[in-house]
C-alpha atoms as a PDB file:
ATOM      1  CA  UNK A   1      -5.563  10.318  -3.597  1.00  0.00           C
ATOM      2  CA  UNK A   2      -3.199   8.315  -1.439  1.00  0.00           C
ATOM      3  CA  UNK A   3       0.464   9.268  -1.159  1.00  0.00           C
ATOM      4  CA  UNK A   4       2.669   6.310  -0.232  1.00  0.00           C
ATOM      5  CA  UNK A   5       6.256   6.807   0.885  1.00  0.00           C
ATOM      6  CA  UNK A   6       8.874   4.070   1.218  1.00  0.00           C
ATOM      7  CA  UNK A   7      11.928   5.436   3.030  1.00  0.00           C
ATOM      8  CA  UNK A   8      14.986   3.253   2.559  1.00  0.00           C
ATOM      9  CA  UNK A   9      18.539   3.816   3.668  1.00  0.00           C
ATOM     10  CA  UNK A  10      19.637   4.988   0.201  1.00  0.00           C
ATOM     11  CA  UNK A  11      16.483   6.088  -1.604  1.00  0.00           C
ATOM     12  CA  UNK A  12      12.984   7.241  -0.822  1.00  0.00           C
ATOM     13  CA  UNK A  13      10.317   6.120  -3.271  1.00  0.00           C
ATOM     14  CA  UNK A  14       6.995   7.923  -3.466  1.00  0.00           C
ATOM     15  CA  UNK A  15       3.837   6.840  -5.216  1.00  0.00           C
ATOM     16  CA  UNK A  16       0.543   8.607  -5.769  1.00  0.00           C
ATOM     17  CA  UNK A  17      -2.533   6.411  -6.079  1.00  0.00           C
ATOM     18  CA  UNK A  18      -5.940   7.369  -7.373  1.00  0.00           C
ATOM     19  CA  UNK A  19      -8.163   4.508  -6.266  1.00  0.00           C
ATOM     20  CA  UNK A  20      -6.165   1.396  -7.236  1.00  0.00           C
ATOM     21  CA  UNK A  21      -4.161   3.096  -9.982  1.00  0.00           C
ATOM     22  CA  UNK A  22      -0.601   4.348  -9.542  1.00  0.00           C
ATOM     23  CA  UNK A  23      -0.761   7.722 -11.301  1.00  0.00           C
ATOM     24  CA  UNK A  24       2.719   9.062 -10.455  1.00  0.00           C
ATOM     25  CA  UNK A  25       5.907   7.921  -8.781  1.00  0.00           C
ATOM     26  CA  UNK A  26       9.285   9.353  -7.867  1.00  0.00           C
ATOM     27  CA  UNK A  27      12.646   8.237  -6.444  1.00  0.00           C
ATOM     28  CA  UNK A  28      14.815  10.637  -4.443  1.00  0.00           C
ATOM     29  CA  UNK A  29      17.928  10.257  -2.322  1.00  0.00           C
ATOM     30  CA  UNK A  30      17.225   9.666   1.363  1.00  0.00           C
ATOM     31  CA  UNK A  31      18.704  12.440   3.461  1.00  0.00           C
ATOM     32  CA  UNK A  32      18.336  11.654   7.155  1.00  0.00           C
ATOM     33  CA  UNK A  33      18.350  15.195   8.500  1.00  0.00           C
ATOM     34  CA  UNK A  34      15.611  16.825   6.424  1.00  0.00           C
ATOM     35  CA  UNK A  35      13.072  18.881   8.314  1.00  0.00           C
ATOM     36  CA  UNK A  36       9.328  18.760   7.737  1.00  0.00           C
ATOM     37  CA  UNK A  37       9.640  22.107   5.927  1.00  0.00           C
ATOM     38  CA  UNK A  38      12.253  20.705   3.517  1.00  0.00           C
ATOM     39  CA  UNK A  39      10.141  17.611   2.919  1.00  0.00           C
ATOM     40  CA  UNK A  40       7.053  19.770   2.274  1.00  0.00           C
ATOM     41  CA  UNK A  41       8.892  21.774  -0.394  1.00  0.00           C
ATOM     42  CA  UNK A  42      10.249  18.607  -2.003  1.00  0.00           C
ATOM     43  CA  UNK A  43       6.916  16.764  -2.029  1.00  0.00           C
ATOM     44  CA  UNK A  44       4.940  19.776  -3.260  1.00  0.00           C
ATOM     45  CA  UNK A  45       7.406  20.348  -6.102  1.00  0.00           C
ATOM     46  CA  UNK A  46       7.222  16.700  -7.147  1.00  0.00           C
ATOM     47  CA  UNK A  47       3.420  16.789  -7.143  1.00  0.00           C
ATOM     48  CA  UNK A  48       3.228  20.075  -9.034  1.00  0.00           C
ATOM     49  CA  UNK A  49       5.722  18.857 -11.640  1.00  0.00           C
ATOM     50  CA  UNK A  50       3.202  16.137 -12.556  1.00  0.00           C
ATOM     51  CA  UNK A  51       0.166  18.406 -12.393  1.00  0.00           C
ATOM     52  CA  UNK A  52      -1.098  17.446  -8.920  1.00  0.00           C
ATOM     53  CA  UNK A  53      -1.611  19.528  -5.785  1.00  0.00           C
ATOM     54  CA  UNK A  54      -1.624  18.991  -2.034  1.00  0.00           C
ATOM     55  CA  UNK A  55      -5.397  19.416  -1.969  1.00  0.00           C
ATOM     56  CA  UNK A  56      -5.811  16.217  -3.970  1.00  0.00           C
ATOM     57  CA  UNK A  57      -3.963  14.107  -1.383  1.00  0.00           C
ATOM     58  CA  UNK A  58      -6.396  12.727   1.189  1.00  0.00           C
ATOM     59  CA  UNK A  59      -4.154  10.176   2.893  1.00  0.00           C
ATOM     60  CA  UNK A  60      -0.524   9.264   3.491  1.00  0.00           C
ATOM     61  CA  UNK A  61       1.077   5.918   4.254  1.00  0.00           C
ATOM     62  CA  UNK A  62       4.742   5.751   5.263  1.00  0.00           C
ATOM     63  CA  UNK A  63       7.032   2.739   5.379  1.00  0.00           C
ATOM     64  CA  UNK A  64      10.378   3.769   6.833  1.00  0.00           C
ATOM     65  CA  UNK A  65      13.544   1.999   7.897  1.00  0.00           C
ATOM     66  CA  UNK A  66      15.097   5.374   8.775  1.00  0.00           C
ATOM     67  CA  UNK A  67      13.628   6.310  12.174  1.00  0.00           C
ATOM     68  CA  UNK A  68      15.431   9.677  12.159  1.00  0.00           C
ATOM     69  CA  UNK A  69      13.034  10.862   9.435  1.00  0.00           C
ATOM     70  CA  UNK A  70       9.753   9.616  10.906  1.00  0.00           C
ATOM     71  CA  UNK A  71       9.002  12.720  12.995  1.00  0.00           C
ATOM     72  CA  UNK A  72       9.677  15.055  10.038  1.00  0.00           C
ATOM     73  CA  UNK A  73       7.557  12.898   7.710  1.00  0.00           C
ATOM     74  CA  UNK A  74       4.665  12.880  10.161  1.00  0.00           C
ATOM     75  CA  UNK A  75       4.843  16.652  10.557  1.00  0.00           C
ATOM     76  CA  UNK A  76       5.062  17.173   6.813  1.00  0.00           C
ATOM     77  CA  UNK A  77       1.954  15.026   6.196  1.00  0.00           C
ATOM     78  CA  UNK A  78       0.004  16.885   8.878  1.00  0.00           C
ATOM     79  CA  UNK A  79       1.055  20.349   7.685  1.00  0.00           C
ATOM     80  CA  UNK A  80       0.977  19.771   3.929  1.00  0.00           C
ATOM     81  CA  UNK A  81      -1.909  17.348   3.430  1.00  0.00           C
ATOM     82  CA  UNK A  82      -3.881  17.919   6.635  1.00  0.00           C
ATOM     83  CA  UNK A  83      -3.847  14.195   7.342  1.00  0.00           C
ATOM     84  CA  UNK A  84      -2.364  11.904   9.957  1.00  0.00           C
ATOM     85  CA  UNK A  85      -0.050   9.487   8.142  1.00  0.00           C
ATOM     86  CA  UNK A  86      -0.254   5.746   8.702  1.00  0.00           C
ATOM     87  CA  UNK A  87       3.254   4.766   9.803  1.00  0.00           C
ATOM     88  CA  UNK A  88       3.802   1.081   9.065  1.00  0.00           C
ATOM     89  CA  UNK A  89       5.567  -0.842  11.792  1.00  0.00           C
ATOM     90  CA  UNK A  90       5.098  -3.369  14.566  1.00  0.00           C
ATOM     91  CA  UNK A  91       1.553  -3.328  15.908  1.00  0.00           C
ATOM     92  CA  UNK A  92      -0.086  -1.942  12.755  1.00  0.00           C
ATOM     93  CA  UNK A  93      -2.884  -4.268  11.687  1.00  0.00           C
ATOM     94  CA  UNK A  94      -2.044  -5.370   8.133  1.00  0.00           C
ATOM     95  CA  UNK A  95      -3.625  -8.814   8.213  1.00  0.00           C
ATOM     96  CA  UNK A  96      -0.120 -10.270   8.114  1.00  0.00           C
ATOM     97  CA  UNK A  97       0.970 -12.679  10.840  1.00  0.00           C
ATOM     98  CA  UNK A  98       4.692 -12.270  11.442  1.00  0.00           C
ATOM     99  CA  UNK A  99       6.064 -15.572  12.704  1.00  0.00           C
ATOM    100  CA  UNK A 100       9.540 -14.631  13.866  1.00  0.00           C
ATOM    101  CA  UNK A 101      11.157 -14.714  17.289  1.00  0.00           C
ATOM    102  CA  UNK A 102      10.899 -10.929  17.485  1.00  0.00           C
ATOM    103  CA  UNK A 103       8.343  -9.438  15.060  1.00  0.00           C
ATOM    104  CA  UNK A 104       9.471  -5.924  16.096  1.00  0.00           C
ATOM    105  CA  UNK A 105      12.743  -6.565  14.246  1.00  0.00           C
ATOM    106  CA  UNK A 106      10.987  -7.012  10.886  1.00  0.00           C
ATOM    107  CA  UNK A 107      11.422  -3.839   8.845  1.00  0.00           C
ATOM    108  CA  UNK A 108       8.439  -1.843   7.628  1.00  0.00           C
ATOM    109  CA  UNK A 109       9.691  -2.277   4.052  1.00  0.00           C
ATOM    110  CA  UNK A 110       9.441  -6.051   4.315  1.00  0.00           C
ATOM    111  CA  UNK A 111       5.988  -5.836   5.857  1.00  0.00           C
ATOM    112  CA  UNK A 112       4.556  -3.721   3.020  1.00  0.00           C
ATOM    113  CA  UNK A 113       6.332  -5.826   0.373  1.00  0.00           C
ATOM    114  CA  UNK A 114       4.715  -8.957   1.757  1.00  0.00           C
ATOM    115  CA  UNK A 115       1.259  -7.410   2.065  1.00  0.00           C
ATOM    116  CA  UNK A 116       1.483  -6.080  -1.515  1.00  0.00           C
ATOM    117  CA  UNK A 117       2.716  -9.425  -2.885  1.00  0.00           C
ATOM    118  CA  UNK A 118      -0.083 -11.290  -1.149  1.00  0.00           C
ATOM    119  CA  UNK A 119      -2.648  -8.798  -2.440  1.00  0.00           C
ATOM    120  CA  UNK A 120      -1.319  -9.185  -5.987  1.00  0.00           C
ATOM    121  CA  UNK A 121      -0.687 -12.929  -6.109  1.00  0.00           C
ATOM    122  CA  UNK A 122      -2.355 -14.596  -3.118  1.00  0.00           C
ATOM    123  CA  UNK A 123      -0.523 -17.218  -1.151  1.00  0.00           C
ATOM    124  CA  UNK A 124       1.352 -19.160  -0.252  1.00  0.00           C
ATOM    125  CA  UNK A 125       4.328 -17.253  -1.633  1.00  0.00           C
ATOM    126  CA  UNK A 126       7.920 -16.320  -0.948  1.00  0.00           C
ATOM    127  CA  UNK A 127       8.905 -12.648  -0.948  1.00  0.00           C
ATOM    128  CA  UNK A 128      12.549 -11.703  -1.355  1.00  0.00           C
ATOM    129  CA  UNK A 129      13.741  -8.201  -0.448  1.00  0.00           C
ATOM    130  CA  UNK A 130      17.401  -7.266  -0.803  1.00  0.00           C
END
């Protein structure tokens, strides 16, 4: 299964996918100073509460606009799920062409929103994130 994590300034939203189906999801408060150990406990408890285990997670994808948490999230994915997480950001090949003056200023949340909208609806389209 694929664990996807969207880290926003206020909330972190997690989803667990089995193939193309979202089988579980959670929303927690974003706390910028959590360690990988704290994140491991949190994520394992959320999974277990829904009847899932770390062994079932074979991949992690992280979209984060809170850089302070990225190192802890990467460590947590490595330690807990034995997988290297895909951290969405500038330079990650998504198939999306970002036509702005500085593509590095486009947040990971907006990148994944646009990719998901295009996958769901095709294009051309307008995606609004606020």
